[in-house]
Amino acid sequence: MSFSTYYMHLIFARIPSLMSSDLILYIVPALTVSILFLSFRIMFLNTPKLRKVK
C-alpha cells in the first residue's frame, strides 16, 4: 500500500459515510480531474468577452 493510499484511508475512515473506503479512492481523483477540466475549459474556451478601452 502506498503512502497516499494509507493516509487517505486514515482520513476517510473517520468520516462516517455510506460509501466504502475503496470507492473513495476512485471518487477523490475523479473529482479533482473534473474540477481541473472544468476550470481549464472556463479559462481557455469560455473566456469572457472584454470591451476595448477607448
Protein backbone atom coordinates (compact mmCIF):
# COMPACT_ATOMS: atom_id res chain seq x y z
CA MET A 1 0.00 0.00 0.00
CA SER A 2 1.40 3.39 -0.95
CA PHE A 3 1.71 6.30 1.44
CA SER A 4 -1.07 8.27 -0.20
CA THR A 5 -3.46 5.31 -0.04
CA TYR A 6 -2.58 4.76 3.60
CA TYR A 7 -3.20 8.38 4.55
CA MET A 8 -6.41 8.56 2.54
CA HIS A 9 -7.67 5.52 4.45
CA LEU A 10 -6.74 7.21 7.71
CA ILE A 11 -8.52 10.44 6.76
CA PHE A 12 -11.68 8.97 5.30
CA ALA A 13 -12.06 6.13 7.83
CA ARG A 14 -13.12 8.66 10.44
CA ILE A 15 -15.80 10.20 8.24
CA PRO A 16 -19.00 8.16 8.51
CA SER A 17 -20.41 7.65 5.06
CA LEU A 18 -22.48 5.24 3.03
CA MET A 19 -19.64 4.63 0.60
CA SER A 20 -16.90 2.11 1.18
CA SER A 21 -13.36 3.38 1.65
CA ASP A 22 -12.26 1.76 -1.62
CA LEU A 23 -14.87 3.75 -3.51
CA ILE A 24 -13.46 6.99 -2.07
CA LEU A 25 -10.11 6.19 -3.68
CA TYR A 26 -11.82 6.40 -7.07
CA ILE A 27 -14.09 9.37 -6.33
CA VAL A 28 -11.48 11.82 -5.00
CA PRO A 29 -9.17 11.64 -8.06
CA ALA A 30 -12.18 11.75 -10.38
CA LEU A 31 -13.41 14.92 -8.65
CA THR A 32 -10.00 16.59 -8.90
CA VAL A 33 -9.68 15.75 -12.59
CA SER A 34 -13.20 17.01 -13.30
CA ILE A 35 -12.56 20.27 -11.40
CA LEU A 36 -9.32 20.79 -13.35
CA PHE A 37 -11.05 20.06 -16.65
CA LEU A 38 -13.90 22.47 -15.90
CA SER A 39 -11.54 25.22 -14.78
CA PHE A 40 -9.37 24.84 -17.91
CA ARG A 41 -12.49 24.87 -20.07
CA ILE A 42 -13.67 28.10 -18.45
CA MET A 43 -10.22 29.70 -18.71
CA PHE A 44 -9.47 28.85 -22.32
CA LEU A 45 -12.70 28.03 -24.17
CA ASN A 46 -15.32 30.22 -22.49
CA THR A 47 -13.24 33.32 -21.91
CA PRO A 48 -15.31 36.42 -21.21
CA LYS A 49 -15.52 38.94 -23.99
CA LEU A 50 -13.82 42.10 -22.83
CA ARG A 51 -14.62 45.55 -24.16
CA LYS A 52 -11.89 47.60 -25.74
CA VAL A 53 -10.71 50.62 -23.81
CA LYS A 54 -11.43 53.90 -25.61
